[in-house]
Amino acid sequence: MTASEVAMRKFLKQLGVTAHQELAAALAKAVADGKIASGAELAVTARVEIADLQFTHDVTANLVAPE
């Protein structure tokens, strides 16, 4: 595996783990605070940007609030 591939995998792993933790915490807090109902569907968009390359990539999906 090249250094480039290792760096890419490390970035994507960090992105996935931290985003999962932050999203889970935000959703749980919103349910606990009564801001959203348990099981509510919420639209989410994630953006990865490389400014030096003028590159952006968006991923859009729906999340379901925890019970």
PDB file of N, CA and C in Angstrom:
ATOM      1  N   MET A   1       0.850  -1.170   0.000  1.00  0.00           N
ATOM      2  CA  MET A   1       0.000   0.000   0.000  1.00  0.00           C
ATOM      3  C   MET A   1       0.901   1.241   0.000  1.00  0.00           C
ATOM      4  N   THR A   2       0.553   2.209  -0.835  1.00  0.00           N
ATOM      5  CA  THR A   2       1.376   3.417  -0.946  1.00  0.00           C
ATOM      6  C   THR A   2       1.088   4.382   0.199  1.00  0.00           C
ATOM      7  N   ALA A   3       1.990   5.331   0.390  1.00  0.00           N
ATOM      8  CA  ALA A   3       1.808   6.357   1.423  1.00  0.00           C
ATOM      9  C   ALA A   3       0.531   7.154   1.162  1.00  0.00           C
ATOM     10  N   SER A   4       0.233   7.392  -0.092  1.00  0.00           N
ATOM     11  CA  SER A   4      -0.984   8.117  -0.461  1.00  0.00           C
ATOM     12  C   SER A   4      -2.232   7.347  -0.032  1.00  0.00           C
ATOM     13  N   GLU A   5      -2.236   6.044  -0.288  1.00  0.00           N
ATOM     14  CA  GLU A   5      -3.380   5.209   0.102  1.00  0.00           C
ATOM     15  C   GLU A   5      -3.532   5.141   1.618  1.00  0.00           C
ATOM     16  N   VAL A   6      -2.417   5.048   2.326  1.00  0.00           N
ATOM     17  CA  VAL A   6      -2.456   5.002   3.790  1.00  0.00           C
ATOM     18  C   VAL A   6      -3.028   6.306   4.333  1.00  0.00           C
ATOM     19  N   ALA A   7      -2.559   7.431   3.801  1.00  0.00           N
ATOM     20  CA  ALA A   7      -3.052   8.737   4.252  1.00  0.00           C
ATOM     21  C   ALA A   7      -4.547   8.878   3.982  1.00  0.00           C
ATOM     22  N   MET A   8      -4.979   8.436   2.809  1.00  0.00           N
ATOM     23  CA  MET A   8      -6.401   8.510   2.458  1.00  0.00           C
ATOM     24  C   MET A   8      -7.234   7.655   3.406  1.00  0.00           C
ATOM     25  N   ARG A   9      -6.794   6.442   3.676  1.00  0.00           N
ATOM     26  CA  ARG A   9      -7.523   5.543   4.574  1.00  0.00           C
ATOM     27  C   ARG A   9      -7.590   6.100   5.990  1.00  0.00           C
ATOM     28  N   LYS A  10      -6.489   6.690   6.462  1.00  0.00           N
ATOM     29  CA  LYS A  10      -6.476   7.288   7.801  1.00  0.00           C
ATOM     30  C   LYS A  10      -7.466   8.442   7.882  1.00  0.00           C
ATOM     31  N   PHE A  11      -7.468   9.296   6.855  1.00  0.00           N
ATOM     32  CA  PHE A  11      -8.410  10.417   6.826  1.00  0.00           C
ATOM     33  C   PHE A  11      -9.846   9.923   6.844  1.00  0.00           C
ATOM     34  N   LEU A  12     -10.168   8.967   5.977  1.00  0.00           N
ATOM     35  CA  LEU A  12     -11.540   8.469   5.891  1.00  0.00           C
ATOM     36  C   LEU A  12     -11.967   7.766   7.175  1.00  0.00           C
ATOM     37  N   LYS A  13     -11.053   7.055   7.823  1.00  0.00           N
ATOM     38  CA  LYS A  13     -11.375   6.413   9.096  1.00  0.00           C
ATOM     39  C   LYS A  13     -11.661   7.463  10.154  1.00  0.00           C
ATOM     40  N   GLN A  14     -10.804   8.482  10.237  1.00  0.00           N
ATOM     41  CA  GLN A  14     -11.013   9.554  11.216  1.00  0.00           C
ATOM     42  C   GLN A  14     -12.323  10.285  10.942  1.00  0.00           C
ATOM     43  N   LEU A  15     -12.604  10.566   9.686  1.00  0.00           N
ATOM     44  CA  LEU A  15     -13.848  11.225   9.307  1.00  0.00           C
ATOM     45  C   LEU A  15     -15.049  10.395   9.732  1.00  0.00           C
ATOM     46  N   GLY A  16     -15.030   9.122   9.412  1.00  0.00           N
ATOM     47  CA  GLY A  16     -16.153   8.251   9.736  1.00  0.00           C
ATOM     48  C   GLY A  16     -16.373   8.097  11.224  1.00  0.00           C
ATOM     49  N   VAL A  17     -15.305   7.876  11.974  1.00  0.00           N
ATOM     50  CA  VAL A  17     -15.428   7.665  13.420  1.00  0.00           C
ATOM     51  C   VAL A  17     -15.893   8.935  14.109  1.00  0.00           C
ATOM     52  N   THR A  18     -15.247  10.068  13.811  1.00  0.00           N
ATOM     53  CA  THR A  18     -15.622  11.305  14.499  1.00  0.00           C
ATOM     54  C   THR A  18     -17.007  11.778  14.086  1.00  0.00           C
ATOM     55  N   ALA A  19     -17.344  11.653  12.813  1.00  0.00           N
ATOM     56  CA  ALA A  19     -18.675  12.065  12.369  1.00  0.00           C
ATOM     57  C   ALA A  19     -19.743  11.206  13.037  1.00  0.00           C
ATOM     58  N   HIS A  20     -19.514   9.911  13.129  1.00  0.00           N
ATOM     59  CA  HIS A  20     -20.473   9.014  13.779  1.00  0.00           C
ATOM     60  C   HIS A  20     -20.679   9.413  15.235  1.00  0.00           C
ATOM     61  N   GLN A  21     -19.596   9.659  15.951  1.00  0.00           N
ATOM     62  CA  GLN A  21     -19.694  10.039  17.364  1.00  0.00           C
ATOM     63  C   GLN A  21     -20.447  11.354  17.534  1.00  0.00           C
ATOM     64  N   GLU A  22     -20.105  12.347  16.739  1.00  0.00           N
ATOM     65  CA  GLU A  22     -20.736  13.664  16.859  1.00  0.00           C
ATOM     66  C   GLU A  22     -22.212  13.622  16.468  1.00  0.00           C
ATOM     67  N   LEU A  23     -22.528  12.908  15.389  1.00  0.00           N
ATOM     68  CA  LEU A  23     -23.926  12.798  14.963  1.00  0.00           C
ATOM     69  C   LEU A  23     -24.762  12.054  16.001  1.00  0.00           C
ATOM     70  N   ALA A  24     -24.240  10.955  16.519  1.00  0.00           N
ATOM     71  CA  ALA A  24     -24.972  10.187  17.524  1.00  0.00           C
ATOM     72  C   ALA A  24     -25.241  11.028  18.762  1.00  0.00           C
ATOM     73  N   ALA A  25     -24.245  11.782  19.204  1.00  0.00           N
ATOM     74  CA  ALA A  25     -24.415  12.633  20.388  1.00  0.00           C
ATOM     75  C   ALA A  25     -25.429  13.740  20.131  1.00  0.00           C
ATOM     76  N   ALA A  26     -25.353  14.379  18.974  1.00  0.00           N
ATOM     77  CA  ALA A  26     -26.281  15.464  18.649  1.00  0.00           C
ATOM     78  C   ALA A  26     -27.717  14.957  18.547  1.00  0.00           C
ATOM     79  N   LEU A  27     -27.897  13.801  17.921  1.00  0.00           N
ATOM     80  CA  LEU A  27     -29.241  13.233  17.798  1.00  0.00           C
ATOM     81  C   LEU A  27     -29.799  12.834  19.163  1.00  0.00           C
ATOM     82  N   ALA A  28     -28.989  12.192  19.987  1.00  0.00           N
ATOM     83  CA  ALA A  28     -29.445  11.778  21.318  1.00  0.00           C
ATOM     84  C   ALA A  28     -29.824  12.986  22.161  1.00  0.00           C
ATOM     85  N   LYS A  29     -29.025  14.055  22.094  1.00  0.00           N
ATOM     86  CA  LYS A  29     -29.321  15.268  22.858  1.00  0.00           C
ATOM     87  C   LYS A  29     -30.611  15.917  22.367  1.00  0.00           C
ATOM     88  N   ALA A  30     -30.789  15.973  21.057  1.00  0.00           N
ATOM     89  CA  ALA A  30     -32.001  16.580  20.501  1.00  0.00           C
ATOM     90  C   ALA A  30     -33.245  15.813  20.935  1.00  0.00           C
ATOM     91  N   VAL A  31     -33.164  14.484  20.982  1.00  0.00           N
ATOM     92  CA  VAL A  31     -34.295  13.672  21.455  1.00  0.00           C
ATOM     93  C   VAL A  31     -34.521  13.929  22.940  1.00  0.00           C
ATOM     94  N   ALA A  32     -33.448  13.912  23.729  1.00  0.00           N
ATOM     95  CA  ALA A  32     -33.561  14.124  25.178  1.00  0.00           C
ATOM     96  C   ALA A  32     -34.117  15.506  25.506  1.00  0.00           C
ATOM     97  N   ASP A  33     -33.752  16.513  24.707  1.00  0.00           N
ATOM     98  CA  ASP A  33     -34.221  17.886  24.930  1.00  0.00           C
ATOM     99  C   ASP A  33     -35.608  18.136  24.354  1.00  0.00           C
ATOM    100  N   GLY A  34     -36.179  17.137  23.687  1.00  0.00           N
ATOM    101  CA  GLY A  34     -37.508  17.286  23.109  1.00  0.00           C
ATOM    102  C   GLY A  34     -37.536  18.083  21.817  1.00  0.00           C
ATOM    103  N   LYS A  35     -36.382  18.299  21.201  1.00  0.00           N
ATOM    104  CA  LYS A  35     -36.324  19.068  19.955  1.00  0.00           C
ATOM    105  C   LYS A  35     -36.793  18.249  18.758  1.00  0.00           C
ATOM    106  N   ILE A  36     -36.563  16.936  18.825  1.00  0.00           N
ATOM    107  CA  ILE A  36     -37.037  16.035  17.777  1.00  0.00           C
ATOM    108  C   ILE A  36     -37.612  14.796  18.444  1.00  0.00           C
ATOM    109  N   ALA A  37     -38.501  14.148  17.733  1.00  0.00           N
ATOM    110  CA  ALA A  37     -39.115  12.929  18.263  1.00  0.00           C
ATOM    111  C   ALA A  37     -38.220  11.728  17.990  1.00  0.00           C
ATOM    112  N   SER A  38     -38.278  10.774  18.883  1.00  0.00           N
ATOM    113  CA  SER A  38     -37.577   9.515  18.679  1.00  0.00           C
ATOM    114  C   SER A  38     -38.083   8.886  17.389  1.00  0.00           C
ATOM    115  N   GLY A  39     -37.184   8.415  16.561  1.00  0.00           N
ATOM    116  CA  GLY A  39     -37.563   7.798  15.300  1.00  0.00           C
ATOM    117  C   GLY A  39     -37.771   8.781  14.159  1.00  0.00           C
ATOM    118  N   ALA A  40     -37.616  10.081  14.438  1.00  0.00           N
ATOM    119  CA  ALA A  40     -37.795  11.091  13.390  1.00  0.00           C
ATOM    120  C   ALA A  40     -36.717  10.937  12.324  1.00  0.00           C
ATOM    121  N   GLU A  41     -37.098  11.197  11.078  1.00  0.00           N
ATOM    122  CA  GLU A  41     -36.136  11.173   9.974  1.00  0.00           C
ATOM    123  C   GLU A  41     -35.619  12.573   9.742  1.00  0.00           C
ATOM    124  N   LEU A  42     -34.306  12.682   9.581  1.00  0.00           N
ATOM    125  CA  LEU A  42     -33.665  13.974   9.356  1.00  0.00           C
ATOM    126  C   LEU A  42     -32.738  13.884   8.151  1.00  0.00           C
ATOM    127  N   ALA A  43     -32.825  14.869   7.275  1.00  0.00           N
ATOM    128  CA  ALA A  43     -31.918  14.921   6.130  1.00  0.00           C
ATOM    129  C   ALA A  43     -30.546  15.375   6.610  1.00  0.00           C
ATOM    130  N   VAL A  44     -29.509  14.776   6.064  1.00  0.00           N
ATOM    131  CA  VAL A  44     -28.138  15.138   6.422  1.00  0.00           C
ATOM    132  C   VAL A  44     -27.298  15.214   5.151  1.00  0.00           C
ATOM    133  N   THR A  45     -26.400  16.188   5.123  1.00  0.00           N
ATOM    134  CA  THR A  45     -25.449  16.312   4.023  1.00  0.00           C
ATOM    135  C   THR A  45     -24.054  16.451   4.607  1.00  0.00           C
ATOM    136  N   ALA A  46     -23.124  15.684   4.091  1.00  0.00           N
ATOM    137  CA  ALA A  46     -21.721  15.786   4.488  1.00  0.00           C
ATOM    138  C   ALA A  46     -20.935  16.273   3.278  1.00  0.00           C
ATOM    139  N   ARG A  47     -19.984  17.156   3.532  1.00  0.00           N
ATOM    140  CA  ARG A  47     -19.172  17.691   2.441  1.00  0.00           C
ATOM    141  C   ARG A  47     -17.696  17.487   2.752  1.00  0.00           C
ATOM    142  N   VAL A  48     -16.977  16.960   1.776  1.00  0.00           N
ATOM    143  CA  VAL A  48     -15.522  16.865   1.846  1.00  0.00           C
ATOM    144  C   VAL A  48     -14.989  17.874   0.837  1.00  0.00           C
ATOM    145  N   GLU A  49     -14.043  18.674   1.278  1.00  0.00           N
ATOM    146  CA  GLU A  49     -13.523  19.735   0.416  1.00  0.00           C
ATOM    147  C   GLU A  49     -11.998  19.729   0.435  1.00  0.00           C
ATOM    148  N   ILE A  50     -11.415  19.861  -0.745  1.00  0.00           N
ATOM    149  CA  ILE A  50      -9.974  20.074  -0.870  1.00  0.00           C
ATOM    150  C   ILE A  50      -9.822  21.421  -1.567  1.00  0.00           C
ATOM    151  N   ALA A  51      -9.591  22.455  -0.768  1.00  0.00           N
ATOM    152  CA  ALA A  51      -9.561  23.824  -1.287  1.00  0.00           C
ATOM    153  C   ALA A  51      -8.510  24.007  -2.378  1.00  0.00           C
ATOM    154  N   ASP A  52      -7.329  23.440  -2.181  1.00  0.00           N
ATOM    155  CA  ASP A  52      -6.248  23.602  -3.162  1.00  0.00           C
ATOM    156  C   ASP A  52      -6.597  23.034  -4.534  1.00  0.00           C
ATOM    157  N   LEU A  53      -7.507  22.081  -4.569  1.00  0.00           N
ATOM    158  CA  LEU A  53      -7.909  21.461  -5.836  1.00  0.00           C
ATOM    159  C   LEU A  53      -9.259  21.969  -6.330  1.00  0.00           C
ATOM    160  N   GLN A  54      -9.875  22.856  -5.563  1.00  0.00           N
ATOM    161  CA  GLN A  54     -11.233  23.318  -5.854  1.00  0.00           C
ATOM    162  C   GLN A  54     -12.156  22.110  -6.048  1.00  0.00           C
ATOM    163  N   PHE A  55     -12.020  21.163  -5.129  1.00  0.00           N
ATOM    164  CA  PHE A  55     -12.777  19.910  -5.169  1.00  0.00           C
ATOM    165  C   PHE A  55     -13.741  19.859  -3.997  1.00  0.00           C
ATOM    166  N   THR A  56     -14.977  19.486  -4.271  1.00  0.00           N
ATOM    167  CA  THR A  56     -15.941  19.189  -3.207  1.00  0.00           C
ATOM    168  C   THR A  56     -16.705  17.930  -3.586  1.00  0.00           C
ATOM    169  N   HIS A  57     -17.088  17.200  -2.558  1.00  0.00           N
ATOM    170  CA  HIS A  57     -17.902  16.001  -2.757  1.00  0.00           C
ATOM    171  C   HIS A  57     -18.938  15.979  -1.650  1.00  0.00           C
ATOM    172  N   ASP A  58     -20.213  15.952  -2.031  1.00  0.00           N
ATOM    173  CA  ASP A  58     -21.311  15.927  -1.068  1.00  0.00           C
ATOM    174  C   ASP A  58     -21.949  14.552  -1.039  1.00  0.00           C
ATOM    175  N   VAL A  59     -22.314  14.131   0.157  1.00  0.00           N
ATOM    176  CA  VAL A  59     -23.072  12.897   0.346  1.00  0.00           C
ATOM    177  C   VAL A  59     -24.320  13.274   1.133  1.00  0.00           C
ATOM    178  N   THR A  60     -25.485  12.941   0.603  1.00  0.00           N
ATOM    179  CA  THR A  60     -26.751  13.276   1.242  1.00  0.00           C
ATOM    180  C   THR A  60     -27.508  11.995   1.556  1.00  0.00           C
ATOM    181  N   ALA A  61     -28.109  11.976   2.735  1.00  0.00           N
ATOM    182  CA  ALA A  61     -28.871  10.801   3.164  1.00  0.00           C
ATOM    183  C   ALA A  61     -29.878  11.231   4.224  1.00  0.00           C
ATOM    184  N   ASN A  62     -30.633  10.271   4.727  1.00  0.00           N
ATOM    185  CA  ASN A  62     -31.546  10.506   5.843  1.00  0.00           C
ATOM    186  C   ASN A  62     -31.080   9.698   7.041  1.00  0.00           C
ATOM    187  N   LEU A  63     -31.115  10.328   8.212  1.00  0.00           N
ATOM    188  CA  LEU A  63     -30.806   9.652   9.466  1.00  0.00           C
ATOM    189  C   LEU A  63     -32.097   9.476  10.240  1.00  0.00           C
ATOM    190  N   VAL A  64     -32.118   8.513  11.136  1.00  0.00           N
ATOM    191  CA  VAL A  64     -33.274   8.283  12.002  1.00  0.00           C
ATOM    192  C   VAL A  64     -32.826   8.533  13.432  1.00  0.00           C
ATOM    193  N   ALA A  65     -33.573   9.379  14.146  1.00  0.00           N
ATOM    194  CA  ALA A  65     -33.241   9.703  15.534  1.00  0.00           C
ATOM    195  C   ALA A  65     -33.365   8.453  16.401  1.00  0.00           C
ATOM    196  N   PRO A  66     -32.491   8.340  17.409  1.00  0.00           N
ATOM    197  CA  PRO A  66     -32.520   7.154  18.273  1.00  0.00           C
ATOM    198  C   PRO A  66     -33.762   7.108  19.150  1.00  0.00           C
ATOM    199  N   GLU A  67     -34.063   5.914  19.634  1.00  0.00           N
ATOM    200  CA  GLU A  67     -35.224   5.742  20.510  1.00  0.00           C
ATOM    201  C   GLU A  67     -34.822   5.833  21.954  1.00  0.00           C
TER     202      GLU A  67
END
